[in-house]
N, C-alpha and C. Protein backbone atom coordinates (compact mmCIF):
# COMPACT_ATOMS: atom_id res chain seq x y z
N MET A 1 67.99 20.08 217.91
CA MET A 1 67.75 18.89 217.12
C MET A 1 67.69 17.68 218.06
N ARG A 2 66.73 16.81 217.82
CA ARG A 2 66.56 15.60 218.62
C ARG A 2 67.55 14.54 218.18
N SER A 3 67.98 13.74 219.13
CA SER A 3 68.91 12.65 218.80
C SER A 3 68.15 11.52 218.09
N ALA A 4 68.92 10.69 217.40
CA ALA A 4 68.31 9.54 216.73
C ALA A 4 67.62 8.63 217.73
N THR A 5 68.22 8.48 218.92
CA THR A 5 67.63 7.64 219.96
C THR A 5 66.27 8.18 220.38
N GLU A 6 66.16 9.48 220.51
CA GLU A 6 64.87 10.07 220.88
C GLU A 6 63.84 9.85 219.79
N VAL A 7 64.24 10.05 218.54
CA VAL A 7 63.31 9.87 217.42
C VAL A 7 62.83 8.42 217.35
N PHE A 8 63.77 7.48 217.39
CA PHE A 8 63.39 6.07 217.31
C PHE A 8 62.61 5.63 218.53
N GLY A 9 62.91 6.20 219.68
CA GLY A 9 62.12 5.91 220.87
C GLY A 9 60.67 6.33 220.71
N GLN A 10 60.46 7.50 220.12
CA GLN A 10 59.10 7.96 219.86
C GLN A 10 58.42 7.06 218.84
N TRP A 11 59.16 6.67 217.81
CA TRP A 11 58.59 5.77 216.81
C TRP A 11 58.16 4.45 217.44
N LEU A 12 58.96 3.97 218.39
CA LEU A 12 58.62 2.74 219.09
C LEU A 12 57.30 2.90 219.83
N GLU A 13 57.17 4.01 220.53
CA GLU A 13 55.93 4.26 221.28
C GLU A 13 54.73 4.35 220.34
N GLU A 14 54.95 4.84 219.14
CA GLU A 14 53.86 5.00 218.17
C GLU A 14 53.64 3.77 217.31
N GLY A 15 54.48 2.74 217.50
CA GLY A 15 54.34 1.51 216.73
C GLY A 15 54.94 1.57 215.34
N LYS A 16 55.71 2.60 215.05
CA LYS A 16 56.30 2.73 213.71
C LYS A 16 57.41 1.71 213.47
N ASP A 17 57.94 1.12 214.53
CA ASP A 17 58.98 0.12 214.35
C ASP A 17 58.46 -1.07 213.57
N ILE A 18 57.22 -1.42 213.78
CA ILE A 18 56.63 -2.55 213.04
C ILE A 18 56.48 -2.19 211.57
N GLY A 19 56.09 -0.97 211.29
CA GLY A 19 55.99 -0.51 209.90
C GLY A 19 57.34 -0.53 209.20
N MET A 20 58.38 -0.10 209.93
CA MET A 20 59.72 -0.14 209.36
C MET A 20 60.15 -1.58 209.10
N GLN A 21 59.82 -2.45 210.03
CA GLN A 21 60.15 -3.87 209.85
C GLN A 21 59.51 -4.40 208.58
N HIS A 22 58.24 -4.15 208.41
CA HIS A 22 57.54 -4.65 207.22
C HIS A 22 58.07 -3.99 205.95
N GLY A 23 58.37 -2.70 206.02
CA GLY A 23 58.85 -1.98 204.85
C GLY A 23 60.26 -2.37 204.41
N HIS A 24 61.06 -2.87 205.33
CA HIS A 24 62.43 -3.23 205.02
C HIS A 24 62.64 -4.73 204.86
N THR A 25 61.64 -5.52 205.09
CA THR A 25 61.80 -6.98 205.11
C THR A 25 62.40 -7.52 203.82
N ILE A 26 61.90 -7.13 202.68
CA ILE A 26 62.37 -7.72 201.41
C ILE A 26 63.85 -7.42 201.18
N SER A 27 64.25 -6.17 201.34
CA SER A 27 65.66 -5.83 201.08
C SER A 27 66.58 -6.47 202.10
N VAL A 28 66.18 -6.47 203.37
CA VAL A 28 67.01 -7.10 204.40
C VAL A 28 67.07 -8.60 204.17
N GLN A 29 65.97 -9.21 203.80
CA GLN A 29 65.95 -10.65 203.54
C GLN A 29 66.90 -11.01 202.41
N ASN A 30 66.94 -10.19 201.37
CA ASN A 30 67.86 -10.45 200.26
C ASN A 30 69.31 -10.42 200.74
N MET A 31 69.65 -9.44 201.57
CA MET A 31 71.02 -9.32 202.07
C MET A 31 71.37 -10.48 203.00
N THR A 32 70.47 -10.81 203.91
CA THR A 32 70.77 -11.88 204.86
C THR A 32 70.79 -13.25 204.17
N ASP A 33 69.90 -13.46 203.20
CA ASP A 33 69.93 -14.72 202.45
C ASP A 33 71.28 -14.92 201.77
N PHE A 34 71.79 -13.85 201.15
CA PHE A 34 73.09 -13.91 200.48
C PHE A 34 74.19 -14.27 201.48
N ALA A 35 74.22 -13.57 202.60
CA ALA A 35 75.26 -13.80 203.61
C ALA A 35 75.14 -15.18 204.23
N LEU A 36 73.93 -15.61 204.52
CA LEU A 36 73.73 -16.93 205.13
C LEU A 36 74.10 -18.05 204.17
N GLN A 37 73.82 -17.87 202.89
CA GLN A 37 74.18 -18.89 201.91
C GLN A 37 75.69 -19.08 201.85
N GLU A 38 76.42 -17.99 201.98
CA GLU A 38 77.88 -18.09 202.03
C GLU A 38 78.33 -18.95 203.21
N ARG A 39 77.71 -18.75 204.36
CA ARG A 39 78.06 -19.54 205.55
C ARG A 39 77.73 -21.01 205.32
N VAL A 40 76.59 -21.28 204.72
CA VAL A 40 76.20 -22.66 204.43
C VAL A 40 77.20 -23.29 203.47
N ASP A 41 77.57 -22.55 202.43
CA ASP A 41 78.49 -23.08 201.42
C ASP A 41 79.84 -23.46 202.01
N ILE A 42 80.32 -22.70 202.98
CA ILE A 42 81.62 -23.03 203.57
C ILE A 42 81.47 -23.86 204.84
N GLY A 43 80.24 -23.99 205.34
CA GLY A 43 79.96 -24.86 206.48
C GLY A 43 80.55 -24.41 207.79
N LYS A 44 80.66 -23.10 207.99
CA LYS A 44 81.23 -22.61 209.25
C LYS A 44 80.20 -21.82 210.03
N ASN A 45 80.28 -21.97 211.35
CA ASN A 45 79.42 -21.19 212.24
C ASN A 45 79.81 -19.72 212.15
N PHE A 46 78.91 -18.87 212.59
CA PHE A 46 79.17 -17.44 212.54
C PHE A 46 78.54 -16.75 213.74
N SER A 47 79.05 -15.57 214.02
CA SER A 47 78.45 -14.68 215.02
C SER A 47 77.83 -13.53 214.26
N PHE A 48 76.87 -12.87 214.88
CA PHE A 48 76.13 -11.81 214.20
C PHE A 48 75.96 -10.63 215.15
N LEU A 49 76.25 -9.45 214.65
CA LEU A 49 76.10 -8.24 215.42
C LEU A 49 75.31 -7.25 214.59
N ASP A 50 74.20 -6.78 215.11
CA ASP A 50 73.36 -5.81 214.42
C ASP A 50 73.40 -4.51 215.22
N LEU A 51 74.19 -3.57 214.77
CA LEU A 51 74.27 -2.27 215.44
C LEU A 51 73.07 -1.43 215.03
N GLY A 52 72.41 -0.87 216.00
CA GLY A 52 71.21 -0.09 215.71
C GLY A 52 70.07 -1.01 215.34
N CYS A 53 69.88 -2.06 216.11
CA CYS A 53 68.96 -3.14 215.73
C CYS A 53 67.48 -2.82 215.88
N GLY A 54 67.16 -1.62 216.36
CA GLY A 54 65.74 -1.28 216.48
C GLY A 54 65.03 -2.24 217.41
N ASN A 55 63.95 -2.83 216.94
CA ASN A 55 63.20 -3.74 217.81
C ASN A 55 63.73 -5.17 217.75
N GLY A 56 64.81 -5.39 217.01
CA GLY A 56 65.49 -6.68 217.04
C GLY A 56 64.98 -7.74 216.08
N TRP A 57 64.16 -7.38 215.13
CA TRP A 57 63.56 -8.38 214.26
C TRP A 57 64.59 -9.11 213.41
N VAL A 58 65.63 -8.43 212.95
CA VAL A 58 66.65 -9.10 212.15
C VAL A 58 67.45 -10.07 213.02
N VAL A 59 67.79 -9.65 214.22
CA VAL A 59 68.53 -10.51 215.14
C VAL A 59 67.73 -11.77 215.43
N ARG A 60 66.45 -11.63 215.66
CA ARG A 60 65.62 -12.81 215.94
C ARG A 60 65.60 -13.77 214.77
N GLN A 61 65.56 -13.23 213.55
CA GLN A 61 65.55 -14.10 212.37
C GLN A 61 66.89 -14.82 212.18
N ILE A 62 67.98 -14.07 212.30
CA ILE A 62 69.31 -14.67 212.12
C ILE A 62 69.58 -15.72 213.19
N ALA A 63 69.15 -15.47 214.41
CA ALA A 63 69.39 -16.39 215.52
C ALA A 63 68.76 -17.76 215.29
N LYS A 64 67.78 -17.84 214.43
CA LYS A 64 67.13 -19.12 214.13
C LYS A 64 68.00 -20.02 213.24
N HIS A 65 69.01 -19.44 212.60
CA HIS A 65 69.85 -20.20 211.67
C HIS A 65 70.71 -21.19 212.46
N ASN A 66 70.79 -22.42 211.98
CA ASN A 66 71.50 -23.45 212.73
C ASN A 66 73.02 -23.23 212.82
N LEU A 67 73.59 -22.41 211.96
CA LEU A 67 75.03 -22.12 212.04
C LEU A 67 75.34 -20.88 212.88
N CYS A 68 74.31 -20.19 213.35
CA CYS A 68 74.52 -18.99 214.15
C CYS A 68 75.03 -19.37 215.54
N ASN A 69 76.15 -18.80 215.91
CA ASN A 69 76.74 -19.05 217.22
C ASN A 69 76.01 -18.18 218.23
N LYS A 70 75.22 -18.80 219.08
CA LYS A 70 74.39 -18.07 220.03
C LYS A 70 75.00 -18.01 221.43
N SER A 71 76.30 -18.18 221.54
CA SER A 71 76.92 -18.25 222.86
C SER A 71 76.72 -16.97 223.67
N GLY A 72 76.58 -15.85 223.02
CA GLY A 72 76.40 -14.59 223.74
C GLY A 72 74.98 -14.06 223.67
N TRP A 73 74.03 -14.90 223.30
CA TRP A 73 72.65 -14.47 223.06
C TRP A 73 72.03 -13.74 224.25
N ASP A 74 72.34 -14.15 225.46
CA ASP A 74 71.74 -13.53 226.64
C ASP A 74 72.55 -12.38 227.21
N ARG A 75 73.65 -12.03 226.57
CA ARG A 75 74.49 -10.93 227.06
C ARG A 75 74.40 -9.78 226.07
N TRP A 76 73.56 -8.83 226.36
CA TRP A 76 73.33 -7.72 225.44
C TRP A 76 74.09 -6.48 225.85
N SER A 77 74.60 -5.79 224.88
CA SER A 77 75.20 -4.48 225.10
C SER A 77 74.16 -3.45 224.65
N ARG A 78 73.81 -2.57 225.55
CA ARG A 78 72.78 -1.59 225.24
C ARG A 78 73.38 -0.25 224.83
N THR A 79 74.45 -0.29 224.07
CA THR A 79 75.15 0.96 223.74
C THR A 79 74.31 1.89 222.89
N ASP A 80 73.41 1.37 222.09
CA ASP A 80 72.63 2.24 221.23
C ASP A 80 71.16 2.32 221.66
N ASP A 81 70.81 1.74 222.77
CA ASP A 81 69.40 1.66 223.13
C ASP A 81 69.10 2.45 224.40
N GLN A 82 68.47 3.56 224.23
CA GLN A 82 67.99 4.34 225.36
C GLN A 82 66.46 4.35 225.39
N SER A 83 65.86 3.79 224.36
CA SER A 83 64.42 3.92 224.19
C SER A 83 63.62 2.73 224.70
N GLY A 84 64.29 1.67 225.13
CA GLY A 84 63.57 0.51 225.62
C GLY A 84 63.24 -0.52 224.56
N ASN A 85 63.85 -0.43 223.39
CA ASN A 85 63.57 -1.40 222.34
C ASN A 85 63.84 -2.83 222.79
N PHE A 86 64.97 -3.06 223.48
CA PHE A 86 65.29 -4.42 223.91
C PHE A 86 64.22 -4.96 224.83
N LYS A 87 63.72 -4.13 225.73
CA LYS A 87 62.69 -4.59 226.65
C LYS A 87 61.45 -5.04 225.91
N ARG A 88 61.17 -4.40 224.80
CA ARG A 88 59.97 -4.73 224.05
C ARG A 88 60.03 -6.11 223.42
N TRP A 89 61.18 -6.48 222.86
CA TRP A 89 61.21 -7.74 222.12
C TRP A 89 61.88 -8.88 222.82
N ARG A 90 62.52 -8.69 223.92
CA ARG A 90 63.20 -9.80 224.59
C ARG A 90 62.24 -10.67 225.34
């Protein structure tokens, strides 16, 4: 059996990551809008961690929020990335 990293790496090479991004946008947007509104309502900065972030599209969107604490933005942990996803979107 192939590992998830191998499967997602192949999907990246085939461009399926973009299809997944488009296919999940509405549901992810609903979740992030809810969470971000809570931060706005209480007026506190936040940090964000996306485990298994794929090509990073959610991270890029959240990072645009003015309350997002970007102090660690340039320090990435590649614990789940063997396929080169970070290289593609950084």
